[in-house]
Amino acid sequence: MAPQKIAVFDIDGTIFRKNLAFELINELAWLKVFPKSVRDELANLYTRWLEHKGTYEEYRQALVRLYFANLKGCKREDVVRAARIVVPFFKDRTYVFANNLITELRKKKYHLIAVSGSPSEIVEEYNKYLKFDAVFGSVYEINKNGIYTGEAVFEPTLHKGHVVKQYAIEKGLTLEESYGVGDTESDAKFLEVVENPIAFNPNLNLKTIAEKNGWRIVVEKKDVIYEVTGCVKFIQ
């Protein structure tokens, strides 16, 4: 039997139209697990990005720092509770292109995985609706009492390519005819690994990398999906 083919997706800005970490931090502040002041910091980060005072990647990295800075001493059960509130509310806010590609790849019996920088608690909760074969999110250390110690155990954004290659080897999957979809330069390492890389709604850094490597660039805006090549090629 031929090995199963693999497809790799980022989540935030690729499948999910917003950012899972943002929504989780916001809910943790509402639940008073995180200090109320965190909501002000969160709003400031988002506003700075909207007003072009920083790039999306800077915004994403700032969210990670904000989450990490407030996590120590919190109970894992509270984070899971917040994730279970957030995900059902936002689960359908997805991109049409990603949904269509996932449906197509499922029909072709691809093994689907997601590699995200968002916390594993909310990534795993989100996967109850995605129903991917595997998902990877950022993992933070918990002591025997279920309390976060403030130490990071696994941050997939630092080595997404390695995660994909190692997983494919362990599961006996093939990278032949594989697909990858991401939106920022943190996804470039796994896009380099697959045979069909797609830079979807890419930020400037990923767009530059994609153009240099001849990768597909796809943009979804309102109700239009188009591919950027030498000219604009409309998909829908």
Protein backbone atom coordinates (compact mmCIF):
# COMPACT_ATOMS: atom_id res chain seq x y z
CA MET A 1 0.00 0.00 0.00
CA ALA A 2 1.34 3.44 -0.94
CA PRO A 3 2.02 5.79 1.99
CA GLN A 4 -0.61 8.42 2.72
CA LYS A 5 0.00 11.97 1.48
CA ILE A 6 0.16 14.85 3.96
CA ALA A 7 -1.21 18.39 3.97
CA VAL A 8 -0.09 20.99 6.51
CA PHE A 9 -1.98 24.12 7.55
CA ASP A 10 -1.32 27.05 9.80
CA ILE A 11 -4.51 28.09 11.65
CA ASP A 12 -4.54 31.80 12.54
CA GLY A 13 -5.01 33.89 9.40
CA THR A 14 -5.04 30.75 7.27
CA ILE A 15 -8.06 28.71 8.37
CA PHE A 16 -9.40 30.93 11.16
CA ARG A 17 -10.11 34.51 10.08
CA LYS A 18 -8.90 35.92 13.39
CA ASN A 19 -6.37 34.79 16.00
CA LEU A 20 -7.08 32.03 18.52
CA ALA A 21 -4.55 33.36 21.02
CA PHE A 22 -6.17 36.82 20.94
CA GLU A 23 -9.62 35.39 21.67
CA LEU A 24 -8.28 33.14 24.42
CA ILE A 25 -6.43 35.98 26.17
CA ASN A 26 -9.52 38.17 25.94
CA GLU A 27 -11.72 35.47 27.49
CA LEU A 28 -9.19 34.78 30.26
CA ALA A 29 -9.30 38.47 31.16
CA TRP A 30 -13.13 38.46 31.20
CA LEU A 31 -13.06 35.39 33.46
CA LYS A 32 -10.55 37.21 35.74
CA VAL A 33 -8.00 34.46 35.29
CA PHE A 34 -5.74 37.11 33.76
CA PRO A 35 -5.75 40.67 35.21
CA LYS A 36 -8.31 43.08 33.74
CA SER A 37 -5.41 45.27 32.59
CA VAL A 38 -4.53 42.56 30.05
CA ARG A 39 -7.60 43.54 28.01
CA ASP A 40 -6.24 47.07 27.68
CA GLU A 41 -2.86 45.70 26.54
CA LEU A 42 -4.65 43.42 24.09
CA ALA A 43 -6.72 46.25 22.66
CA ASN A 44 -3.59 48.38 22.32
CA LEU A 45 -1.75 45.65 20.41
CA TYR A 46 -4.67 45.17 18.06
CA THR A 47 -5.09 48.91 17.51
CA ARG A 48 -1.41 49.37 16.74
CA TRP A 49 -1.62 46.67 14.09
CA LEU A 50 -4.82 48.12 12.58
CA GLU A 51 -3.22 51.56 12.43
CA HIS A 52 -0.13 50.19 10.63
CA LYS A 53 2.18 50.87 13.59
CA GLY A 54 3.50 47.34 13.41
CA THR A 55 3.44 44.28 11.17
CA TYR A 56 1.14 41.29 11.62
CA GLU A 57 4.10 39.13 12.65
CA GLU A 58 5.05 41.65 15.34
CA TYR A 59 1.43 41.61 16.51
CA ARG A 60 1.39 37.80 16.59
CA GLN A 61 4.64 37.63 18.54
CA ALA A 62 3.36 40.26 20.99
CA LEU A 63 0.27 38.12 21.66
CA VAL A 64 2.52 35.18 22.49
CA ARG A 65 4.54 37.33 24.90
CA LEU A 66 1.39 38.72 26.55
CA TYR A 67 -0.03 35.24 27.07
CA PHE A 68 3.26 33.88 28.39
CA ALA A 69 3.75 36.83 30.76
CA ASN A 70 0.40 36.24 32.47
CA LEU A 71 0.22 32.45 32.45
CA LYS A 72 2.44 31.59 35.42
CA GLY A 73 0.38 30.54 38.44
CA CYS A 74 -2.82 29.98 36.47
CA LYS A 75 -4.70 26.69 36.52
CA ARG A 76 -4.79 24.64 33.34
CA GLU A 77 -8.47 23.87 33.97
CA ASP A 78 -9.24 27.60 33.74
CA VAL A 79 -7.47 27.93 30.40
CA VAL A 80 -9.32 24.90 29.05
CA ARG A 81 -12.60 26.37 30.31
CA ALA A 82 -11.89 29.64 28.48
CA ALA A 83 -11.01 27.73 25.29
CA ARG A 84 -14.30 25.83 25.50
CA ILE A 85 -16.18 29.13 25.69
CA VAL A 86 -14.29 30.79 22.84
CA VAL A 87 -14.15 28.06 20.20
CA PRO A 88 -17.87 27.31 19.74
CA PHE A 89 -18.56 31.03 19.34
CA PHE A 90 -15.86 31.63 16.70
CA LYS A 91 -15.56 28.19 15.03
CA ASP A 92 -17.34 29.17 11.80
CA ARG A 93 -15.25 32.29 11.13
CA THR A 94 -13.11 30.60 8.54
CA TYR A 95 -11.74 31.33 5.08
CA VAL A 96 -13.58 29.90 2.08
CA PHE A 97 -10.33 28.98 0.30
CA ALA A 98 -9.09 26.96 3.27
CA ASN A 99 -12.45 25.24 3.73
CA ASN A 100 -12.63 24.28 0.05
CA LEU A 101 -9.05 22.99 -0.02
CA ILE A 102 -9.56 20.96 3.16
CA THR A 103 -12.70 19.41 1.67
CA GLU A 104 -10.88 18.59 -1.57
CA LEU A 105 -7.89 17.04 0.23
CA ARG A 106 -10.13 14.98 2.48
CA LYS A 107 -11.82 13.50 -0.60
CA LYS A 108 -8.35 12.55 -1.84
CA LYS A 109 -7.61 10.85 1.53
CA TYR A 110 -4.83 13.23 2.60
CA HIS A 111 -3.55 13.12 6.17
CA LEU A 112 -4.30 16.62 7.54
CA ILE A 113 -2.32 18.36 10.26
CA ALA A 114 -2.13 21.90 11.63
CA VAL A 115 0.89 23.57 13.19
CA SER A 116 0.08 26.74 15.15
CA GLY A 117 1.77 29.15 17.51
CA SER A 118 -1.44 29.50 19.54
CA PRO A 119 -1.64 27.64 22.88
CA SER A 120 -2.23 23.91 22.55
CA GLU A 121 -5.31 24.08 24.80
CA ILE A 122 -7.27 26.20 22.33
CA VAL A 123 -5.75 24.55 19.25
CA GLU A 124 -6.90 21.13 20.50
CA GLU A 125 -10.35 22.50 21.31
CA TYR A 126 -10.57 24.02 17.83
CA ASN A 127 -9.67 20.66 16.35
CA LYS A 128 -12.87 19.17 17.75
CA TYR A 129 -14.49 21.05 14.85
CA LEU A 130 -11.64 20.88 12.33
CA LYS A 131 -11.26 17.13 12.85
CA PHE A 132 -7.68 17.08 11.56
CA ASP A 133 -5.57 13.96 12.09
CA ALA A 134 -3.20 15.91 14.34
CA VAL A 135 -2.66 19.46 15.59
CA PHE A 136 0.32 21.11 17.24
CA GLY A 137 0.20 24.24 19.39
CA SER A 138 2.47 25.92 21.92
CA VAL A 139 2.86 23.85 25.09
CA TYR A 140 3.61 25.36 28.50
CA GLU A 141 4.83 23.45 31.54
CA ILE A 142 2.34 22.41 34.22
CA ASN A 143 3.27 21.15 37.68
CA LYS A 144 1.70 18.14 39.40
CA ASN A 145 -1.11 20.37 40.70
CA GLY A 146 -2.13 21.51 37.21
CA ILE A 147 -0.58 24.98 37.63
CA TYR A 148 1.49 26.64 34.90
CA THR A 149 5.10 27.14 35.97
CA GLY A 150 5.89 29.89 33.49
CA GLU A 151 8.18 27.71 31.36
CA ALA A 152 7.66 26.94 27.69
CA VAL A 153 7.97 23.26 26.73
CA PHE A 154 7.30 23.34 23.00
CA GLU A 155 6.96 26.31 20.64
CA PRO A 156 6.22 25.00 17.13
CA THR A 157 6.64 28.38 15.43
CA LEU A 158 10.39 28.08 16.07
CA HIS A 159 10.71 24.88 14.04
CA LYS A 160 7.57 24.18 12.01
CA GLY A 161 9.52 22.47 9.25
CA HIS A 162 11.14 20.05 11.69
CA VAL A 163 7.76 19.27 13.26
CA VAL A 164 6.30 18.35 9.88
CA LYS A 165 9.25 16.23 8.74
CA GLN A 166 9.49 14.38 12.06
CA TYR A 167 5.76 13.73 12.16
CA ALA A 168 5.73 12.44 8.57
CA ILE A 169 8.58 10.03 9.35
CA GLU A 170 6.96 8.76 12.56
CA LYS A 171 3.60 8.18 10.85
CA GLY A 172 5.02 6.74 7.64
CA LEU A 173 3.56 9.53 5.49
CA THR A 174 4.92 10.73 2.17
CA LEU A 175 5.80 14.31 1.28
CA GLU A 176 5.24 13.55 -2.41
CA GLU A 177 2.35 15.68 -3.72
CA SER A 178 2.09 17.21 -0.23
CA TYR A 179 0.40 20.57 0.41
CA GLY A 180 1.16 23.39 2.81
CA VAL A 181 -0.76 26.61 3.50
CA GLY A 182 0.47 29.50 5.65
CA ASP A 183 0.29 33.28 5.93
CA THR A 184 3.47 34.54 7.63
CA GLU A 185 7.21 33.90 7.50
CA SER A 186 6.91 31.60 10.52
CA ASP A 187 5.20 29.18 8.12
CA ALA A 188 7.97 29.33 5.52
CA LYS A 189 9.90 26.43 7.06
CA PHE A 190 7.09 23.96 6.53
CA LEU A 191 6.21 25.45 3.15
CA GLU A 192 9.78 24.66 2.10
CA VAL A 193 9.18 21.00 2.97
CA VAL A 194 6.01 20.35 0.92
CA GLU A 195 5.69 19.96 -2.84
CA ASN A 196 2.71 22.32 -3.17
CA PRO A 197 3.35 25.37 -0.95
CA ILE A 198 0.67 28.07 -0.85
CA ALA A 199 1.22 31.51 0.66
CA PHE A 200 -2.32 32.50 1.60
CA ASN A 201 -3.06 36.18 2.34
CA PRO A 202 0.67 36.46 3.01
CA ASN A 203 2.31 39.24 4.93
CA LEU A 204 5.11 41.09 3.15
CA ASN A 205 7.89 38.82 4.40
CA LEU A 206 6.16 35.62 3.31
CA LYS A 207 5.13 37.20 0.00
CA THR A 208 8.78 38.03 -0.67
CA ILE A 209 9.85 34.47 0.18
CA ALA A 210 7.06 33.02 -1.95
CA GLU A 211 7.96 35.14 -4.99
CA LYS A 212 11.63 34.19 -4.66
CA ASN A 213 10.76 30.48 -4.53
CA GLY A 214 7.98 30.52 -7.11
CA TRP A 215 5.29 29.42 -4.64
CA ARG A 216 1.59 29.98 -5.25
CA ILE A 217 0.22 33.17 -3.70
CA VAL A 218 -3.53 33.16 -3.06
CA VAL A 219 -5.55 36.06 -1.67
CA GLU A 220 -9.11 36.00 -0.34
CA LYS A 221 -10.81 39.37 -0.02
CA LYS A 222 -14.51 39.74 0.76
CA ASP A 223 -16.19 37.26 -1.62
CA VAL A 224 -13.32 37.03 -4.12
CA ILE A 225 -10.45 34.53 -4.18
CA TYR A 226 -7.62 35.13 -6.63
CA GLU A 227 -4.16 33.87 -7.35
CA VAL A 228 -1.29 36.32 -7.78
CA THR A 229 1.11 35.41 -10.59
CA GLY A 230 2.56 37.65 -13.31
CA CYS A 231 -1.00 38.91 -13.60
CA VAL A 232 -4.08 38.37 -11.46
CA LYS A 233 -5.71 34.97 -11.99
CA PHE A 234 -9.23 34.69 -10.54
CA ILE A 235 -10.08 31.42 -8.77
CA GLN A 236 -13.64 32.36 -7.81
